[in-house]
Amino acid sequence: MVKPLDHIDGRKHIFGMTAQFNIAEAKAKLSELLDRALTGEEIVIARAGEPMARLMPLKRKARQGRGVWRHWKIPDDIFLEPMDPEDLDAAEGKFSDEFGISLPLADKP
């Protein structure tokens, strides 16, 4: 059962066209109703003739740019430089126990 409605909640809608469907019919024709909603038609789903929900397309977000740091360039030679011995020891786990918890540094004389 399709009922054209002039307005819902006292406001005009896109193209002035709104169609109302009961829940069982909306369930059976969901993909068709989605296509109709994507073309701009407003679809209202009702229970016992009382409007309960409105089916409409989502507003798409604008695509975000590359970010604030897009102008930063990291030279390749930074990644090719050898590590400091202390950093290498830390990466190999010499300063942590078997659970990965850092050990206190020994005082150097």
C-alpha atoms as a PDB file:
ATOM      1  CA  MET A   1       0.000   0.000   0.000  1.00  0.00           C
ATOM      2  CA  VAL A   2       1.569   3.286  -1.124  1.00  0.00           C
ATOM      3  CA  LYS A   3       0.257   6.606   0.159  1.00  0.00           C
ATOM      4  CA  PRO A   4       1.568   9.855  -1.308  1.00  0.00           C
ATOM      5  CA  LEU A   5       1.968  12.437   1.436  1.00  0.00           C
ATOM      6  CA  ASP A   6       2.312  16.172   0.867  1.00  0.00           C
ATOM      7  CA  HIS A   7       4.378  16.683   3.987  1.00  0.00           C
ATOM      8  CA  ILE A   8       5.451  15.130   7.249  1.00  0.00           C
ATOM      9  CA  ASP A   9       5.978  17.137  10.432  1.00  0.00           C
ATOM     10  CA  GLY A  10       4.669  20.234   8.645  1.00  0.00           C
ATOM     11  CA  ARG A  11       7.599  20.718   6.245  1.00  0.00           C
ATOM     12  CA  LYS A  12       7.929  20.319   2.493  1.00  0.00           C
ATOM     13  CA  HIS A  13      10.207  17.574   1.177  1.00  0.00           C
ATOM     14  CA  ILE A  14      12.436  17.043  -1.836  1.00  0.00           C
ATOM     15  CA  PHE A  15      10.390  17.016  -5.046  1.00  0.00           C
ATOM     16  CA  GLY A  16       7.209  17.276  -2.911  1.00  0.00           C
ATOM     17  CA  MET A  17       6.913  13.470  -3.182  1.00  0.00           C
ATOM     18  CA  THR A  18       6.830  11.144  -0.220  1.00  0.00           C
ATOM     19  CA  ALA A  19       5.710   7.537  -0.258  1.00  0.00           C
ATOM     20  CA  GLN A  20       4.586   5.617   2.825  1.00  0.00           C
ATOM     21  CA  PHE A  21       4.922   1.842   3.199  1.00  0.00           C
ATOM     22  CA  ASN A  22       3.933  -0.478   6.007  1.00  0.00           C
ATOM     23  CA  ILE A  23       6.697  -2.486   7.667  1.00  0.00           C
ATOM     24  CA  ALA A  24       5.953  -5.811   5.952  1.00  0.00           C
ATOM     25  CA  GLU A  25       5.861  -4.222   2.495  1.00  0.00           C
ATOM     26  CA  ALA A  26       9.044  -2.218   3.175  1.00  0.00           C
ATOM     27  CA  LYS A  27      10.787  -5.412   4.283  1.00  0.00           C
ATOM     28  CA  ALA A  28       9.756  -7.195   1.083  1.00  0.00           C
ATOM     29  CA  LYS A  29      10.798  -4.296  -1.195  1.00  0.00           C
ATOM     30  CA  LEU A  30      13.806  -2.925   0.682  1.00  0.00           C
ATOM     31  CA  SER A  31      16.249  -2.844  -2.259  1.00  0.00           C
ATOM     32  CA  GLU A  32      13.661  -1.091  -4.464  1.00  0.00           C
ATOM     33  CA  LEU A  33      12.959   1.438  -1.711  1.00  0.00           C
ATOM     34  CA  LEU A  34      16.674   2.107  -1.277  1.00  0.00           C
ATOM     35  CA  ASP A  35      16.990   2.819  -5.003  1.00  0.00           C
ATOM     36  CA  ARG A  36      14.026   5.183  -4.844  1.00  0.00           C
ATOM     37  CA  ALA A  37      15.481   6.965  -1.805  1.00  0.00           C
ATOM     38  CA  LEU A  38      18.823   7.399  -3.586  1.00  0.00           C
ATOM     39  CA  THR A  39      17.041   9.203  -6.445  1.00  0.00           C
ATOM     40  CA  GLY A  40      15.726  11.769  -3.957  1.00  0.00           C
ATOM     41  CA  GLU A  41      12.303  10.396  -3.114  1.00  0.00           C
ATOM     42  CA  GLU A  42      11.504  10.284   0.563  1.00  0.00           C
ATOM     43  CA  ILE A  43      10.281   6.940   1.837  1.00  0.00           C
ATOM     44  CA  VAL A  44       8.353   6.721   5.101  1.00  0.00           C
ATOM     45  CA  ILE A  45       7.911   3.394   6.908  1.00  0.00           C
ATOM     46  CA  ALA A  46       4.794   3.178   9.055  1.00  0.00           C
ATOM     47  CA  ARG A  47       3.288   0.828  11.632  1.00  0.00           C
ATOM     48  CA  ALA A  48      -0.500   0.714  11.688  1.00  0.00           C
ATOM     49  CA  GLY A  49      -0.608   3.823   9.491  1.00  0.00           C
ATOM     50  CA  GLU A  50       1.563   5.879  11.875  1.00  0.00           C
ATOM     51  CA  PRO A  51       4.905   7.048  10.394  1.00  0.00           C
ATOM     52  CA  MET A  52       7.812   5.481  12.338  1.00  0.00           C
ATOM     53  CA  ALA A  53      10.935   5.974  10.192  1.00  0.00           C
ATOM     54  CA  ARG A  54      12.183   7.862   7.167  1.00  0.00           C
ATOM     55  CA  LEU A  55      14.469   6.347   4.528  1.00  0.00           C
ATOM     56  CA  MET A  56      16.797   8.849   2.851  1.00  0.00           C
ATOM     57  CA  PRO A  57      20.333   8.877   1.407  1.00  0.00           C
ATOM     58  CA  LEU A  58      23.282   9.787   3.612  1.00  0.00           C
ATOM     59  CA  LYS A  59      25.305  12.905   2.937  1.00  0.00           C
ATOM     60  CA  ARG A  60      28.740  11.888   1.748  1.00  0.00           C
ATOM     61  CA  LYS A  61      31.808  13.329   3.454  1.00  0.00           C
ATOM     62  CA  ALA A  62      34.238  15.280   1.355  1.00  0.00           C
ATOM     63  CA  ARG A  63      37.483  13.427   0.837  1.00  0.00           C
ATOM     64  CA  GLN A  64      40.227  14.566   3.148  1.00  0.00           C
ATOM     65  CA  GLY A  65      43.571  15.773   1.810  1.00  0.00           C
ATOM     66  CA  ARG A  66      46.939  14.279   2.603  1.00  0.00           C
ATOM     67  CA  GLY A  67      47.207  16.067   5.940  1.00  0.00           C
ATOM     68  CA  VAL A  68      49.070  18.882   7.601  1.00  0.00           C
ATOM     69  CA  TRP A  69      52.540  17.363   7.190  1.00  0.00           C
ATOM     70  CA  ARG A  70      52.200  16.616   3.458  1.00  0.00           C
ATOM     71  CA  HIS A  71      55.007  19.067   2.640  1.00  0.00           C
ATOM     72  CA  TRP A  72      57.509  17.289   4.893  1.00  0.00           C
ATOM     73  CA  LYS A  73      60.069  15.181   3.058  1.00  0.00           C
ATOM     74  CA  ILE A  74      62.198  12.622   4.931  1.00  0.00           C
ATOM     75  CA  PRO A  75      65.524  11.948   3.250  1.00  0.00           C
ATOM     76  CA  ASP A  76      66.239   8.281   2.465  1.00  0.00           C
ATOM     77  CA  ASP A  77      69.718   8.388   3.991  1.00  0.00           C
ATOM     78  CA  ILE A  78      68.211   8.687   7.498  1.00  0.00           C
ATOM     79  CA  PHE A  79      66.912   5.137   7.212  1.00  0.00           C
ATOM     80  CA  LEU A  80      70.220   3.844   5.848  1.00  0.00           C
ATOM     81  CA  GLU A  81      72.458   5.249   8.613  1.00  0.00           C
ATOM     82  CA  PRO A  82      73.772   2.705  11.139  1.00  0.00           C
ATOM     83  CA  MET A  83      72.178   2.701  14.592  1.00  0.00           C
ATOM     84  CA  ASP A  84      73.951   3.888  17.730  1.00  0.00           C
ATOM     85  CA  PRO A  85      75.256   0.921  19.755  1.00  0.00           C
ATOM     86  CA  GLU A  86      72.996   1.792  22.704  1.00  0.00           C
ATOM     87  CA  ASP A  87      69.901   1.945  20.450  1.00  0.00           C
ATOM     88  CA  LEU A  88      70.880  -1.367  18.860  1.00  0.00           C
ATOM     89  CA  ASP A  89      71.193  -2.987  22.298  1.00  0.00           C
ATOM     90  CA  ALA A  90      67.749  -1.642  23.260  1.00  0.00           C
ATOM     91  CA  ALA A  91      66.241  -3.007  20.036  1.00  0.00           C
ATOM     92  CA  GLU A  92      67.754  -6.414  20.762  1.00  0.00           C
ATOM     93  CA  GLY A  93      66.223  -6.425  24.263  1.00  0.00           C
ATOM     94  CA  LYS A  94      69.378  -6.105  26.365  1.00  0.00           C
ATOM     95  CA  PHE A  95      67.695  -3.532  28.618  1.00  0.00           C
ATOM     96  CA  SER A  96      64.495  -5.495  29.271  1.00  0.00           C
ATOM     97  CA  ASP A  97      63.502  -8.723  31.003  1.00  0.00           C
ATOM     98  CA  GLU A  98      61.677 -11.709  29.431  1.00  0.00           C
ATOM     99  CA  PHE A  99      58.338  -9.863  29.688  1.00  0.00           C
ATOM    100  CA  GLY A 100      59.600  -6.799  27.795  1.00  0.00           C
ATOM    101  CA  ILE A 101      59.732  -4.619  30.911  1.00  0.00           C
ATOM    102  CA  SER A 102      62.643  -2.173  30.932  1.00  0.00           C
ATOM    103  CA  LEU A 103      65.298  -2.848  33.508  1.00  0.00           C
ATOM    104  CA  PRO A 104      66.773  -0.032  35.585  1.00  0.00           C
ATOM    105  CA  LEU A 105      69.995   1.298  34.087  1.00  0.00           C
ATOM    106  CA  ALA A 106      73.138   0.430  36.034  1.00  0.00           C
ATOM    107  CA  ASP A 107      75.107   3.414  37.312  1.00  0.00           C
ATOM    108  CA  LYS A 108      78.298   3.887  35.333  1.00  0.00           C
ATOM    109  CA  PRO A 109      81.413   4.482  37.514  1.00  0.00           C
END
